[in-house]
Amino acid sequence: MSPTLSVTVKRLLPAVAILVALGCSGDRPTLTEAPINDASSVQVATGNAPQSALDVAISLPADLRGDAPVIARVSVANRSRATVVVPEWQLPSEDLETAQFVVLRDGRPVSYAGPHIKRGPSPAVAMIRVAPGVTLDFVIELSRAYDFSQNGRYTIEFVSRGANGGQVSLRSPLQAFVLGGRGASLTTVGPSAFVGPNSAASITALAALLSYTACTATQQQQLVAAVASAATYAAQAKSYMVANQLGARYTKWFGTVSTANASKVTANFSAIDNAFATKPITVDCGCKKTYFAYVYPSQPYKIYVCKAFWSAMNTGTDSRAGTLVHEMSHFTAVANTNDWAYGQSAAASLALSNILRAISNADNHEYFAENIPVLP
C-alpha cells in the first residue's frame, strides 16, 4: 500500500492469537496461539486490573522545521501489578490501519487520511497480553495518514475506542508541537454506459469498464460476475429508495424514517449505482492479507481485493458483491461513507442508537443492498 494515501478496508478478523509481552521496556512481543471462545473472553488475563491500567504517552519533537515526515513514538505501559489483556487493534498501529489519533491544527481538526478497516463478523479477536512493568513502544509516521502540509501549532492525542465505536478504552494526554517551513503536501488526498443489471448486454458493457492488476484469468471471470451482482444490488437499492415506500428493510439498517435521512440514503445509493454503471473500475488482486478488500477513498474507482474476498460467496451476507458495494460507497466521489460499526448485529444496533452514523456507515449500505434476511 502506498504510505501517502487514505485507505478503507473490509477485513475479516484473523485466527485468534495472543501476543505475550515479556521482558523490559522496548522488547517486542512474541506470537503464541491460544483459543478464545467468545467476545466475553476479552478481559484481563490475570487479576482484575482494568484496561485503564495501561498508560499511553506520545513523544515527538516540540518544534519541527521543513518537510520532514512527522514521526511520533507512542508507548503503552502497564503500571499495575496484574497482566492486562487488550485487543490488538486497540493498540497503536504502525501501519496506521485505524483512525486512532485526534489531530488539531490551530484548534481545527485535521482529517484522517489513513485506513478505515471493515472487520468481519467473526467474534475471534487477536489479543495482546501486557505483563506488569512492561512497556510496548511503537514508532509511527503520522504524516502517512494526516495532513501536516501546513504550518501551525498542532496537538495530537491517541484515542482508542471500544468495538464498533464504543467508549474510549485507551487514551493519551495531549501532546503539542509546532510545524514550520512546510512546503508541498506530505499526503495525497486525493467508458461505456452500463445497460442494466445482469443482462448479456450489460455484462458485456461491464466487462469493458473493468481493468485488472495481478488478477488471473479465473479471478477476472469471477470479478465480472461479482461486479455485475454488485451493480444489481446497487440498482435495486436505488429503486427501493426512489420509490419512497420505506418499510422494514429501511428501518432495519437506517433507523426511523425522516425526510432528510432518507434523502441522504437515496443520494448515496444513486451515486453507488452510477459508479457501477458508468465508471471505469480497476480491481487489484495482489493483496495477500486476510481482509476482504480495501480502497483509497481519494482514488476512485480502484478496489483491492484480498484473501477473504475469494472465500466469500458471490452474493449473500458479506458476499463478494456486497463487499464491492461496501468499498464503492467509501469513495469520496461516491458516498464518502465511514466505518462506524462492523457486522450485521452491530450495524443494526447502530441504526437504533445513532441514525446519523448508520446512514454514513458502509456496512449498513452493504447489508441493506444484500437484504438478507429479505425485508420489504
Protein backbone atom coordinates (compact mmCIF):
# COMPACT_ATOMS: atom_id res chain seq x y z
CA MET A 1 0.00 0.00 0.00
CA SER A 2 1.15 3.49 -0.73
CA PRO A 3 2.09 5.18 2.53
CA THR A 4 0.63 8.54 1.47
CA LEU A 5 -2.95 7.69 0.64
CA SER A 6 -6.15 7.20 2.56
CA VAL A 7 -7.35 3.62 2.66
CA THR A 8 -10.57 1.96 3.69
CA VAL A 9 -10.53 -1.74 4.26
CA LYS A 10 -13.05 -4.51 4.61
CA ARG A 11 -11.24 -7.06 6.76
CA LEU A 12 -12.01 -10.44 8.22
CA LEU A 13 -10.54 -10.85 11.66
CA PRO A 14 -7.61 -13.26 11.69
CA ALA A 15 -7.45 -16.50 13.61
CA VAL A 16 -7.21 -15.94 17.33
CA ALA A 17 -3.73 -15.23 18.62
CA ILE A 18 -2.31 -13.84 21.82
CA LEU A 19 0.81 -11.72 21.75
CA VAL A 20 2.71 -12.13 25.00
CA ALA A 21 4.81 -9.15 26.03
CA LEU A 22 7.85 -10.27 28.00
CA GLY A 23 10.91 -8.63 29.42
CA CYS A 24 11.73 -4.95 29.83
CA SER A 25 10.66 -1.79 28.04
CA GLY A 26 11.26 -1.90 24.31
CA ASP A 27 11.08 -5.69 23.93
CA ARG A 28 8.85 -6.78 21.07
CA PRO A 29 6.01 -9.25 21.79
CA THR A 30 6.18 -12.82 20.55
CA LEU A 31 3.30 -14.66 18.92
CA THR A 32 1.66 -17.64 20.56
CA GLU A 33 -1.63 -19.38 19.80
CA ALA A 34 -4.44 -19.54 22.36
CA PRO A 35 -8.18 -20.11 21.99
CA ILE A 36 -10.76 -17.51 22.93
CA ASN A 37 -14.27 -18.91 22.70
CA ASP A 38 -16.32 -15.74 22.54
CA ALA A 39 -16.20 -11.96 22.85
CA SER A 40 -16.84 -12.17 26.61
CA SER A 41 -13.36 -13.68 26.99
CA VAL A 42 -11.80 -10.35 26.03
CA GLN A 43 -10.94 -9.47 29.62
CA VAL A 44 -7.92 -9.14 31.83
CA ALA A 45 -5.98 -12.42 31.70
CA THR A 46 -4.83 -12.40 35.33
CA GLY A 47 -6.09 -10.32 38.22
CA ASN A 48 -8.79 -7.69 37.94
CA ALA A 49 -6.86 -4.73 36.58
CA PRO A 50 -8.90 -2.70 34.06
CA GLN A 51 -7.50 -1.70 30.70
CA SER A 52 -7.07 1.81 32.15
CA ALA A 53 -4.05 0.32 33.94
CA LEU A 54 -2.28 0.85 30.62
CA ASP A 55 -0.70 4.31 30.41
CA VAL A 56 -0.35 5.73 26.90
CA ALA A 57 2.09 8.52 26.06
CA ILE A 58 3.11 10.26 22.84
CA SER A 59 6.52 11.83 22.32
CA LEU A 60 7.87 13.81 19.35
CA PRO A 61 9.95 16.97 18.88
CA ALA A 62 8.27 20.15 20.12
CA ASP A 63 9.39 22.10 17.04
CA LEU A 64 9.68 20.58 13.55
CA ARG A 65 11.04 22.50 10.56
CA GLY A 66 10.98 21.78 6.85
CA ASP A 67 9.19 19.00 5.02
CA ALA A 68 10.46 16.08 7.07
CA PRO A 69 7.91 13.37 7.94
CA VAL A 70 6.13 13.72 11.26
CA ILE A 71 7.16 10.69 13.32
CA ALA A 72 5.95 10.01 16.86
CA ARG A 73 6.81 7.40 19.44
CA VAL A 74 3.78 6.02 21.25
CA SER A 75 4.38 3.99 24.38
CA VAL A 76 1.86 1.77 26.17
CA ALA A 77 2.97 0.84 29.69
CA ASN A 78 1.40 -1.50 32.23
CA ARG A 79 1.86 0.24 35.59
CA SER A 80 -0.30 -2.23 37.50
CA ARG A 81 0.59 -5.47 39.27
CA ALA A 82 -1.60 -7.60 37.00
CA THR A 83 -1.27 -8.73 33.42
CA VAL A 84 -3.63 -6.74 31.22
CA VAL A 85 -5.21 -8.10 28.05
CA VAL A 86 -6.21 -5.68 25.29
CA PRO A 87 -7.41 -6.28 21.72
CA GLU A 88 -4.53 -5.83 19.30
CA TRP A 89 -6.46 -3.42 17.11
CA GLN A 90 -6.93 -1.03 20.06
CA LEU A 91 -3.17 -0.59 20.39
CA PRO A 92 -1.26 1.88 18.23
CA SER A 93 -0.82 0.61 14.69
CA GLU A 94 2.45 1.29 12.92
CA ASP A 95 0.55 0.60 9.69
CA LEU A 96 -1.97 3.32 10.68
CA GLU A 97 -4.84 0.98 9.97
CA THR A 98 -7.39 2.86 12.08
CA ALA A 99 -8.17 6.46 13.00
CA GLN A 100 -6.65 6.29 16.46
CA PHE A 101 -5.31 9.84 16.69
CA VAL A 102 -7.12 13.12 17.12
CA VAL A 103 -5.06 15.83 15.42
CA LEU A 104 -5.81 19.56 15.61
CA ARG A 105 -4.05 22.38 13.76
CA ASP A 106 -4.56 25.77 15.43
CA GLY A 107 -7.63 24.31 17.08
CA ARG A 108 -9.16 22.91 13.89
CA PRO A 109 -9.49 19.18 13.19
CA VAL A 110 -7.06 17.64 10.72
CA SER A 111 -8.76 15.00 8.59
CA TYR A 112 -7.67 11.40 8.95
CA ALA A 113 -6.32 10.03 5.67
CA GLY A 114 -5.35 6.53 6.74
CA PRO A 115 -7.10 3.17 6.57
CA HIS A 116 -10.72 2.64 7.59
CA ILE A 117 -10.97 -1.07 8.31
CA LYS A 118 -14.13 -3.08 7.97
CA ARG A 119 -13.81 -6.07 10.25
CA GLY A 120 -15.67 -9.26 9.58
CA PRO A 121 -18.37 -10.56 11.92
CA SER A 122 -16.19 -13.28 13.47
CA PRO A 123 -16.02 -12.99 17.29
CA ALA A 124 -12.40 -14.18 17.24
CA VAL A 125 -10.01 -11.41 18.13
CA ALA A 126 -6.23 -11.03 18.33
CA MET A 127 -5.21 -10.13 21.87
CA ILE A 128 -2.16 -8.60 23.49
CA ARG A 129 -1.12 -9.68 27.00
CA VAL A 130 0.90 -6.91 28.64
CA ALA A 131 2.75 -8.16 31.70
CA PRO A 132 3.26 -5.95 34.79
CA GLY A 133 6.01 -3.40 34.28
CA VAL A 134 6.21 -3.95 30.52
CA THR A 135 6.15 -1.06 28.03
CA LEU A 136 5.30 -1.54 24.37
CA ASP A 137 6.83 1.04 22.03
CA PHE A 138 5.51 1.96 18.59
CA VAL A 139 7.21 4.29 16.11
CA ILE A 140 4.54 5.77 13.84
CA GLU A 141 4.90 8.03 10.82
CA LEU A 142 1.81 10.16 11.38
CA SER A 143 2.23 12.08 8.12
CA ARG A 144 1.25 8.92 6.26
CA ALA A 145 -2.31 9.37 7.46
CA TYR A 146 -2.76 13.01 8.47
CA ASP A 147 -2.15 16.21 6.50
CA PHE A 148 0.79 18.04 8.01
CA SER A 149 1.47 20.16 4.92
CA GLN A 150 0.54 23.43 6.63
CA ASN A 151 2.49 25.38 9.22
CA GLY A 152 0.89 25.82 12.61
CA ARG A 153 0.54 24.67 16.18
CA TYR A 154 -0.65 21.10 16.36
CA THR A 155 -1.97 18.96 19.16
CA ILE A 156 -2.22 15.20 18.94
CA GLU A 157 -3.96 12.66 21.15
CA PHE A 158 -4.16 8.87 20.91
CA VAL A 159 -7.76 7.73 21.40
CA SER A 160 -8.57 4.04 21.03
CA ARG A 161 -12.26 3.24 21.22
CA GLY A 162 -14.01 0.01 22.06
CA ALA A 163 -15.62 -2.24 19.48
CA ASN A 164 -17.95 -0.54 16.99
CA GLY A 165 -17.26 2.96 18.23
CA GLY A 166 -17.86 2.16 21.89
CA GLN A 167 -16.42 4.00 24.88
CA VAL A 168 -12.79 5.04 24.96
CA SER A 169 -10.55 2.27 26.28
CA LEU A 170 -7.05 3.74 25.86
CA ARG A 171 -6.19 7.43 25.77
CA SER A 172 -3.05 9.52 25.92
CA PRO A 173 -2.55 13.06 27.22
CA LEU A 174 -2.49 15.80 24.60
CA GLN A 175 0.92 16.42 23.03
CA ALA A 176 1.58 19.81 21.41
CA PHE A 177 4.16 20.63 18.76
CA VAL A 178 4.83 23.31 16.14
CA LEU A 179 5.45 22.82 12.44
CA GLY A 180 7.22 25.47 10.38
CA GLY A 181 8.74 25.87 6.93
CA ARG A 182 6.37 23.38 5.33
CA GLY A 183 6.26 23.20 1.56
CA ALA A 184 4.46 20.67 -0.63
CA SER A 185 1.82 18.45 0.94
CA LEU A 186 3.17 15.31 2.50
CA THR A 187 -0.08 13.44 1.87
CA THR A 188 -2.11 12.85 -1.27
CA VAL A 189 -5.72 13.33 -0.59
CA GLY A 190 -6.51 12.76 -3.49
CA PRO A 191 -16.28 4.44 -20.84
CA SER A 192 -19.37 2.89 -21.96
CA ALA A 193 -22.66 3.11 -20.13
CA PHE A 194 -23.91 0.13 -18.16
CA VAL A 195 -27.13 -1.04 -19.78
CA GLY A 196 -28.94 -2.86 -16.98
CA PRO A 197 -28.49 -5.46 -14.26
CA ASN A 198 -27.25 -8.88 -15.38
CA SER A 199 -28.43 -8.75 -18.99
CA ALA A 200 -25.98 -10.13 -21.56
CA ALA A 201 -25.52 -6.65 -22.98
CA SER A 202 -24.95 -5.13 -19.55
CA ILE A 203 -22.35 -7.74 -18.56
CA THR A 204 -20.51 -7.17 -21.85
CA ALA A 205 -20.57 -3.43 -21.18
CA LEU A 206 -19.49 -4.01 -17.59
CA ALA A 207 -16.55 -6.16 -18.65
CA ALA A 208 -15.44 -3.33 -20.92
CA LEU A 209 -15.41 -0.99 -17.91
CA LEU A 210 -13.27 -3.34 -15.83
CA SER A 211 -9.49 -3.48 -15.76
CA TYR A 212 -7.28 -5.65 -13.60
CA THR A 213 -3.98 -5.72 -11.78
CA ALA A 214 -2.34 -9.01 -10.74
CA CYS A 215 -5.55 -10.99 -11.41
CA THR A 216 -5.56 -14.43 -13.01
CA ALA A 217 -7.92 -15.28 -15.84
CA THR A 218 -10.14 -17.19 -13.41
CA GLN A 219 -10.19 -14.29 -10.98
CA GLN A 220 -11.14 -11.94 -13.79
CA GLN A 221 -14.12 -14.12 -14.64
CA GLN A 222 -15.19 -14.20 -11.01
CA LEU A 223 -14.82 -10.45 -10.76
CA VAL A 224 -17.06 -9.83 -13.77
CA ALA A 225 -19.76 -11.86 -12.01
CA ALA A 226 -19.16 -10.11 -8.68
CA VAL A 227 -19.24 -6.61 -10.14
CA ALA A 228 -22.36 -7.46 -12.15
CA SER A 229 -24.07 -8.65 -8.96
CA ALA A 230 -22.85 -5.57 -7.07
CA ALA A 231 -24.31 -3.38 -9.81
CA THR A 232 -27.59 -5.25 -9.46
CA TYR A 233 -27.55 -4.74 -5.69
CA ALA A 234 -26.91 -1.03 -6.16
CA ALA A 235 -29.61 -0.63 -8.80
CA GLN A 236 -32.19 -2.44 -6.68
CA ALA A 237 -31.27 -0.43 -3.59
CA LYS A 238 -31.61 2.81 -5.53
CA SER A 239 -35.01 1.73 -6.93
CA TYR A 240 -36.23 0.90 -3.43
CA MET A 241 -35.22 4.31 -2.14
CA VAL A 242 -36.57 6.25 -5.12
CA ALA A 243 -39.96 4.52 -4.71
CA ASN A 244 -40.06 6.13 -1.22
CA GLN A 245 -42.12 3.29 0.24
CA LEU A 246 -39.74 2.74 3.10
CA GLY A 247 -40.53 -0.30 5.19
CA ALA A 248 -38.76 -2.74 7.47
CA ARG A 249 -35.74 -3.00 5.18
CA TYR A 250 -35.03 0.70 5.57
CA THR A 251 -35.68 0.92 9.31
CA LYS A 252 -33.58 -2.21 9.99
CA TRP A 253 -30.44 -0.61 8.58
CA PHE A 254 -31.08 3.16 8.72
CA GLY A 255 -33.46 3.65 11.63
CA THR A 256 -36.61 5.71 11.94
CA VAL A 257 -37.62 7.33 8.66
CA SER A 258 -37.12 11.06 8.23
CA THR A 259 -37.18 13.06 5.01
CA ALA A 260 -33.63 14.36 5.41
CA ASN A 261 -32.11 10.99 6.27
CA ALA A 262 -33.98 9.15 3.52
CA SER A 263 -32.82 11.76 1.02
CA LYS A 264 -29.22 11.19 2.10
CA VAL A 265 -29.50 7.42 1.73
CA THR A 266 -31.19 7.84 -1.67
CA ALA A 267 -28.36 10.09 -2.82
CA ASN A 268 -25.80 7.57 -1.59
CA PHE A 269 -27.31 4.65 -3.49
CA SER A 270 -27.84 6.79 -6.57
CA ALA A 271 -24.12 7.60 -6.53
CA ILE A 272 -23.15 3.97 -5.92
CA ASP A 273 -25.43 2.82 -8.73
CA ASN A 274 -24.00 5.43 -11.09
CA ALA A 275 -20.43 4.43 -10.22
CA PHE A 276 -21.02 0.77 -11.05
CA ALA A 277 -22.97 1.69 -14.19
CA THR A 278 -20.68 4.28 -15.76
CA LYS A 279 -17.24 4.44 -14.17
CA PRO A 280 -14.09 2.57 -15.22
CA ILE A 281 -13.38 0.23 -12.29
CA THR A 282 -9.97 -1.30 -11.64
CA VAL A 283 -9.62 -4.34 -9.40
CA ASP A 284 -6.24 -5.26 -7.92
CA CYS A 285 -5.87 -8.92 -6.84
CA GLY A 286 -2.38 -8.62 -5.38
CA CYS A 287 -3.39 -8.29 -1.70
CA LYS A 288 -2.32 -11.28 0.42
CA LYS A 289 -3.82 -10.12 3.74
CA THR A 290 -6.84 -11.65 5.43
CA TYR A 291 -9.01 -8.65 4.59
CA PHE A 292 -11.96 -8.80 2.24
CA ALA A 293 -10.92 -5.69 0.33
CA TYR A 294 -9.81 -2.09 0.65
CA VAL A 295 -9.81 1.17 -1.29
CA TYR A 296 -8.13 4.55 -1.24
CA PRO A 297 -11.20 6.83 -0.97
CA SER A 298 -9.49 9.68 -2.80
CA GLN A 299 -8.65 7.42 -5.76
CA PRO A 300 -11.85 6.23 -7.39
CA TYR A 301 -12.52 3.65 -8.72
CA LYS A 302 -9.80 1.18 -7.81
CA ILE A 303 -10.66 -1.66 -5.43
CA TYR A 304 -8.08 -4.01 -3.88
CA VAL A 305 -9.45 -7.48 -3.09
CA CYS A 306 -7.81 -9.79 -0.56
CA LYS A 307 -7.99 -13.37 0.71
CA ALA A 308 -11.40 -13.28 2.42
CA PHE A 309 -12.96 -11.89 -0.74
CA TRP A 310 -12.16 -15.07 -2.68
CA SER A 311 -13.56 -17.37 0.00
CA ALA A 312 -16.88 -15.48 0.12
CA MET A 313 -19.98 -16.36 -1.92
CA ASN A 314 -20.79 -14.21 -4.95
CA THR A 315 -24.00 -12.93 -3.31
CA GLY A 316 -25.45 -13.05 0.18
CA THR A 317 -24.31 -11.70 3.53
CA ASP A 318 -20.70 -10.45 3.44
CA SER A 319 -20.54 -11.62 -0.17
CA ARG A 320 -18.18 -10.56 -2.93
CA ALA A 321 -20.90 -8.39 -4.45
CA GLY A 322 -21.79 -6.86 -1.10
CA THR A 323 -18.13 -6.21 -0.37
CA LEU A 324 -17.83 -4.29 -3.62
CA VAL A 325 -20.87 -2.18 -2.70
CA HIS A 326 -19.26 -1.53 0.69
CA GLU A 327 -15.97 -0.43 -0.86
CA MET A 328 -17.58 1.63 -3.63
CA SER A 329 -19.51 3.57 -1.01
CA HIS A 330 -16.25 4.66 0.64
CA PHE A 331 -15.01 6.74 -2.30
CA THR A 332 -15.28 10.45 -1.59
CA ALA A 333 -16.56 10.89 -5.14
CA VAL A 334 -19.37 8.42 -4.43
CA ALA A 335 -20.96 8.31 -0.93
CA ASN A 336 -17.96 9.05 1.34
CA THR A 337 -19.05 6.51 3.95
CA ASN A 338 -17.15 5.66 7.10
CA ASP A 339 -16.74 2.52 9.23
CA TRP A 340 -18.62 3.17 12.47
CA ALA A 341 -19.71 -0.43 13.01
CA TYR A 342 -18.84 -3.85 11.62
CA GLY A 343 -21.09 -6.85 11.07
CA GLN A 344 -24.87 -7.24 10.80
CA SER A 345 -25.60 -7.15 14.52
CA ALA A 346 -23.55 -4.03 15.17
CA ALA A 347 -24.88 -2.30 12.04
CA ALA A 348 -28.48 -2.98 13.07
CA SER A 349 -27.76 -1.72 16.59
CA LEU A 350 -26.23 1.44 15.14
CA ALA A 351 -29.47 2.15 13.28
CA LEU A 352 -31.23 2.17 16.66
CA SER A 353 -28.62 4.06 18.66
CA ASN A 354 -27.14 6.57 16.21
CA ILE A 355 -29.06 7.13 12.98
CA LEU A 356 -26.67 9.75 11.62
CA ARG A 357 -23.80 7.29 11.85
CA ALA A 358 -25.92 4.49 10.39
CA ILE A 359 -26.72 6.49 7.26
CA SER A 360 -23.00 7.11 6.76
CA ASN A 361 -21.78 3.60 7.65
CA ALA A 362 -20.51 1.38 4.84
CA ASP A 363 -21.71 -1.89 6.35
CA ASN A 364 -25.25 -0.54 6.73
CA HIS A 365 -25.26 0.20 3.00
CA GLU A 366 -23.86 -3.25 2.22
CA TYR A 367 -26.39 -5.12 4.34
CA PHE A 368 -29.27 -3.01 3.03
CA ALA A 369 -28.17 -3.87 -0.51
CA GLU A 370 -27.69 -7.59 0.23
CA ASN A 371 -31.06 -7.64 2.07
CA ILE A 372 -30.60 -10.91 3.96
CA PRO A 373 -32.87 -11.82 5.60
CA VAL A 374 -35.20 -10.44 2.95
CA LEU A 375 -37.23 -7.49 4.29
CA PRO A 376 -39.87 -5.40 2.50
